[in-house]
Amino acid sequence: MRIWVGLGNPGGKYAGNRHNIGFMALDRIAADHGFGPWRRAFQGLVAEGRLGSEKLVLLKPETFMNLSGQSVGEALRFYKLTPDDLTVFHDELDLAPGRLRVKTGGGHAGHNGLRSIHAHVGEAYHRVRLGIGHPGHKDAVAGYVLHDFGKADQNWLDDLLRGLCDGAPALASGDSARFLNAVALRTAPPRPSTGTARTEPATSPAPAKAPATKTPADPATEPPADARSALQKLADRFR
């Protein structure tokens, strides 16, 4: 069994926030892979299901972001699982919008949800870092993450969430490379080869040849006119 946790803040006020992309990821996975209904447990919402042969518990803590570790720690203790059985989906300022990375262990980089999980279960868990971009200045971060995704974000966001669903079975089986490849096929699909562009259709007729024209002679190279009389020409032939 594994536990996948999506980070976010509860309530409709925050539902579309950049900070809630972890909730969005789990909602899409649960819907696309036929997980059971969400129910209340462990100070959050839980849905259960299978991906391949792996049983999964999806958890969305409702403790608000800064106290996420309370919910996560309670769930791990209940199922008698270790941090190695835990994967957390969260927003990542240090990745461009639509980019994704997987990571195991390490620091929390100032993310309050991860900071809380570190405090309750340690740092040796797995993360799926979902890029949302950076506002450009640290003083703008709070307002940025607690603001809804814009219309311009919807295409890449939908591609990213679809890719997560495509690759979820691989992630559950521990195949991170195949998971990342499945996401990439949605977010950065290979371009079809088009070959060398033609300037005209292959079946177009050859253009008709223009009629030949004589180039006028340069006057400086023309031979001078013969001014001799007929008698003079005849006399010159016998010289």
Protein backbone atom coordinates (compact mmCIF):
# COMPACT_ATOMS: atom_id res chain seq x y z
CA MET A 1 0.00 0.00 0.00
CA ARG A 2 1.08 3.55 -0.69
CA ILE A 3 -0.24 6.97 0.33
CA TRP A 4 -0.30 9.84 -2.14
CA VAL A 5 -0.86 13.27 -0.61
CA GLY A 6 -1.90 16.38 -2.49
CA LEU A 7 -1.20 19.69 -0.78
CA GLY A 8 -3.58 22.63 -0.78
CA ASN A 9 -6.01 24.64 1.31
CA PRO A 10 -9.62 23.52 1.90
CA GLY A 11 -12.72 25.38 0.76
CA GLY A 12 -14.02 26.93 -2.44
CA LYS A 13 -12.16 30.17 -1.80
CA TYR A 14 -8.86 28.43 -2.48
CA ALA A 15 -9.92 25.77 -4.98
CA GLY A 16 -8.41 27.47 -8.04
CA ASN A 17 -5.25 28.77 -6.35
CA ARG A 18 -1.79 27.90 -7.63
CA HIS A 19 -1.05 26.61 -4.11
CA ASN A 20 -3.79 24.00 -4.63
CA ILE A 21 -2.31 22.23 -7.63
CA GLY A 22 -1.62 19.22 -5.38
CA PHE A 23 -5.35 18.90 -4.65
CA MET A 24 -6.08 19.26 -8.39
CA ALA A 25 -3.64 16.47 -9.22
CA LEU A 26 -5.28 13.99 -6.82
CA ASP A 27 -8.80 14.98 -7.91
CA ARG A 28 -7.93 14.22 -11.55
CA ILE A 29 -6.18 10.93 -10.72
CA ALA A 30 -9.12 9.77 -8.58
CA ALA A 31 -11.66 10.64 -11.29
CA ASP A 32 -9.73 9.21 -14.24
CA HIS A 33 -8.77 5.95 -12.52
CA GLY A 34 -12.09 5.18 -10.86
CA PHE A 35 -11.15 5.61 -7.21
CA GLY A 36 -13.84 5.31 -4.55
CA PRO A 37 -15.71 8.38 -3.27
CA TRP A 38 -13.94 10.91 -1.10
CA ARG A 39 -14.62 10.45 2.62
CA ARG A 40 -13.45 12.25 5.73
CA ALA A 41 -10.53 10.73 7.63
CA PHE A 42 -7.19 11.76 9.15
CA GLN A 43 -8.19 15.44 9.30
CA GLY A 44 -8.68 15.41 5.55
CA LEU A 45 -10.41 13.76 2.60
CA VAL A 46 -9.46 10.24 1.53
CA ALA A 47 -10.18 8.14 -1.58
CA GLU A 48 -9.02 4.56 -2.09
CA GLY A 49 -8.33 2.60 -5.27
CA ARG A 50 -5.81 0.60 -7.26
CA LEU A 51 -3.30 1.40 -9.96
CA GLY A 52 -2.22 -1.88 -11.46
CA SER A 53 -1.45 -4.24 -8.60
CA GLU A 54 -0.75 -1.41 -6.15
CA LYS A 55 -3.36 -0.30 -3.60
CA LEU A 56 -3.35 3.45 -3.03
CA VAL A 57 -4.82 5.86 -0.51
CA LEU A 58 -5.19 9.43 -1.78
CA LEU A 59 -5.21 12.07 0.95
CA LYS A 60 -6.03 15.78 0.79
CA PRO A 61 -5.30 17.32 4.23
CA GLU A 62 -7.92 19.84 5.39
CA THR A 63 -5.76 21.28 8.15
CA PHE A 64 -4.69 24.17 5.87
CA MET A 65 -1.29 24.11 4.23
CA ASN A 66 0.82 25.06 7.24
CA LEU A 67 -0.44 22.09 9.30
CA SER A 68 -0.44 19.43 6.55
CA GLY A 69 1.95 17.22 8.53
CA GLN A 70 -0.67 16.55 11.22
CA SER A 71 -2.95 14.83 8.69
CA VAL A 72 -0.11 13.01 6.91
CA GLY A 73 1.45 11.72 10.13
CA GLU A 74 -1.91 10.42 11.38
CA ALA A 75 -2.51 8.50 8.14
CA LEU A 76 0.95 6.93 8.10
CA ARG A 77 0.58 5.76 11.69
CA PHE A 78 -2.88 4.31 11.06
CA TYR A 79 -1.70 2.21 8.10
CA LYS A 80 1.65 1.41 9.75
CA LEU A 81 3.55 2.81 6.77
CA THR A 82 6.91 4.54 6.51
CA PRO A 83 7.96 7.75 4.72
CA ASP A 84 9.18 5.56 1.83
CA ASP A 85 5.52 4.65 1.21
CA LEU A 86 4.56 8.34 0.96
CA THR A 87 4.48 10.55 -2.17
CA VAL A 88 3.53 14.23 -1.89
CA PHE A 89 2.26 16.29 -4.85
CA HIS A 90 2.91 20.01 -4.35
CA ASP A 91 3.38 23.34 -6.11
CA GLU A 92 6.95 24.30 -6.98
CA LEU A 93 8.01 27.92 -7.47
CA ASP A 94 11.46 26.99 -8.78
CA LEU A 95 10.08 25.17 -11.85
CA ALA A 96 8.57 26.86 -14.89
CA PRO A 97 4.79 26.48 -15.31
CA GLY A 98 3.95 23.00 -16.57
CA ARG A 99 7.34 21.48 -15.72
CA LEU A 100 7.57 18.52 -13.34
CA ARG A 101 10.26 16.80 -11.31
CA VAL A 102 10.33 13.85 -8.92
CA LYS A 103 12.51 13.88 -5.84
CA THR A 104 13.16 11.81 -2.74
CA GLY A 105 14.30 13.42 0.50
CA GLY A 106 16.02 16.76 0.87
CA GLY A 107 14.94 20.11 2.27
CA HIS A 108 11.58 21.82 2.10
CA ALA A 109 12.90 25.00 0.38
CA GLY A 110 10.60 27.17 2.47
CA HIS A 111 7.38 25.44 1.37
CA ASN A 112 5.16 25.54 4.47
CA GLY A 113 3.30 22.33 3.65
CA LEU A 114 6.53 20.39 3.23
CA ARG A 115 7.97 22.06 6.34
CA SER A 116 5.05 20.69 8.37
CA ILE A 117 5.40 17.18 6.89
CA HIS A 118 9.13 17.23 7.68
CA ALA A 119 8.29 18.02 11.30
CA HIS A 120 5.87 15.09 11.62
CA VAL A 121 7.36 12.26 9.52
CA GLY A 122 10.88 13.34 8.55
CA GLU A 123 12.21 14.22 5.11
CA ALA A 124 12.75 10.77 3.54
CA TYR A 125 9.56 10.74 1.48
CA HIS A 126 8.95 11.11 -2.25
CA ARG A 127 7.75 14.31 -3.92
CA VAL A 128 6.21 15.20 -7.25
CA ARG A 129 7.13 18.85 -7.78
CA LEU A 130 4.59 20.61 -10.00
CA GLY A 131 5.97 23.80 -11.54
CA ILE A 132 3.92 26.98 -11.24
CA GLY A 133 6.68 29.50 -11.95
CA HIS A 134 7.92 32.34 -9.74
CA PRO A 135 6.48 35.88 -9.54
CA GLY A 136 9.99 37.34 -9.70
CA HIS A 137 10.36 38.70 -6.18
CA LYS A 138 10.11 36.92 -2.83
CA ASP A 139 7.76 39.60 -1.44
CA ALA A 140 5.22 38.70 -4.13
CA VAL A 141 5.22 34.94 -3.45
CA ALA A 142 2.37 34.82 -0.92
CA GLY A 143 -0.03 36.71 -3.15
CA TYR A 144 1.08 34.72 -6.19
CA VAL A 145 0.51 31.23 -4.77
CA LEU A 146 -2.81 32.25 -3.19
CA HIS A 147 -4.10 33.60 -6.50
CA ASP A 148 -6.06 31.55 -9.03
CA PHE A 149 -4.48 30.23 -12.19
CA GLY A 150 -5.22 32.57 -15.08
CA LYS A 151 -6.93 31.78 -18.37
CA ALA A 152 -3.55 31.68 -20.07
CA ASP A 153 -2.53 28.85 -17.72
CA GLN A 154 -5.42 26.53 -18.50
CA ASN A 155 -3.92 24.75 -21.51
CA TRP A 156 -0.61 23.79 -19.90
CA LEU A 157 -2.35 22.99 -16.60
CA ASP A 158 -4.77 20.60 -18.31
CA ASP A 159 -1.92 18.94 -20.22
CA LEU A 160 0.05 18.51 -16.99
CA LEU A 161 -2.89 16.97 -15.11
CA ARG A 162 -3.66 14.63 -18.02
CA GLY A 163 -0.02 13.58 -18.10
CA LEU A 164 -0.08 12.84 -14.38
CA CYS A 165 -3.05 10.53 -14.93
CA ASP A 166 -1.38 8.82 -17.88
CA GLY A 167 1.75 8.14 -15.86
CA ALA A 168 0.13 7.37 -12.49
CA PRO A 169 0.32 3.56 -12.86
CA ALA A 170 4.06 3.80 -13.59
CA LEU A 171 4.62 6.05 -10.59
CA ALA A 172 2.70 3.62 -8.36
CA SER A 173 4.93 0.77 -9.51
CA GLY A 174 8.07 2.79 -8.75
CA ASP A 175 9.04 3.46 -12.38
CA SER A 176 9.81 7.18 -12.24
CA ALA A 177 11.37 7.27 -15.72
CA ARG A 178 8.25 5.86 -17.38
CA PHE A 179 6.10 8.22 -15.32
CA LEU A 180 8.09 11.26 -16.45
CA ASN A 181 7.97 10.10 -20.05
CA ALA A 182 4.16 9.78 -19.91
CA VAL A 183 3.87 13.32 -18.58
CA ALA A 184 6.27 14.65 -21.23
CA LEU A 185 4.18 13.13 -24.01
CA ARG A 186 1.34 15.40 -22.88
CA THR A 187 3.27 18.54 -21.97
CA ALA A 188 5.92 18.46 -24.72
CA PRO A 189 4.78 16.02 -27.44
CA PRO A 190 7.28 15.34 -30.24
CA ARG A 191 6.70 17.35 -33.38
CA PRO A 192 5.86 15.38 -36.52
CA SER A 193 8.51 15.40 -39.22
CA THR A 194 7.40 17.51 -42.20
CA GLY A 195 10.46 17.21 -44.43
CA THR A 196 11.66 20.00 -46.70
CA ALA A 197 9.00 22.45 -47.67
CA ARG A 198 8.22 22.72 -51.37
CA THR A 199 7.61 26.06 -53.05
CA GLU A 200 5.15 24.58 -55.56
CA PRO A 201 3.15 21.35 -55.83
CA ALA A 202 5.05 18.30 -57.08
CA THR A 203 2.51 17.86 -59.87
CA SER A 204 2.64 21.42 -61.19
CA PRO A 205 3.64 21.69 -64.89
CA ALA A 206 7.06 22.97 -65.81
CA PRO A 207 6.97 26.64 -66.79
CA ALA A 208 7.03 27.36 -70.56
CA LYS A 209 10.36 28.54 -71.92
CA ALA A 210 10.51 32.14 -72.95
CA PRO A 211 11.31 32.72 -76.67
CA ALA A 212 14.97 33.24 -77.37
CA THR A 213 16.01 36.81 -77.90
CA LYS A 214 19.16 38.18 -79.51
CA THR A 215 21.29 40.34 -77.36
CA PRO A 216 22.10 43.57 -79.19
CA ALA A 217 25.79 43.74 -80.18
CA ASP A 218 27.98 46.21 -78.47
CA PRO A 219 28.57 48.98 -81.13
CA ALA A 220 32.25 49.14 -80.18
CA THR A 221 32.79 45.53 -81.37
CA GLU A 222 30.88 45.59 -84.71
CA PRO A 223 33.03 45.42 -87.94
CA PRO A 224 33.03 48.64 -89.98
CA ALA A 225 30.83 48.84 -93.11
CA ASP A 226 32.56 47.95 -96.51
CA ALA A 227 32.58 51.23 -98.59
CA ARG A 228 34.46 49.82 -101.68
CA SER A 229 32.86 49.97 -105.19
CA ALA A 230 32.11 46.74 -107.08
CA LEU A 231 35.06 47.34 -109.48
CA GLN A 232 37.41 47.91 -106.55
CA LYS A 233 36.22 44.71 -104.86
CA LEU A 234 36.87 42.71 -108.07
CA ALA A 235 40.37 44.24 -108.48
CA ASP A 236 41.20 43.43 -104.84
CA ARG A 237 40.36 39.75 -105.39
CA PHE A 238 43.22 39.36 -107.89
CA ARG A 239 45.85 41.09 -105.82
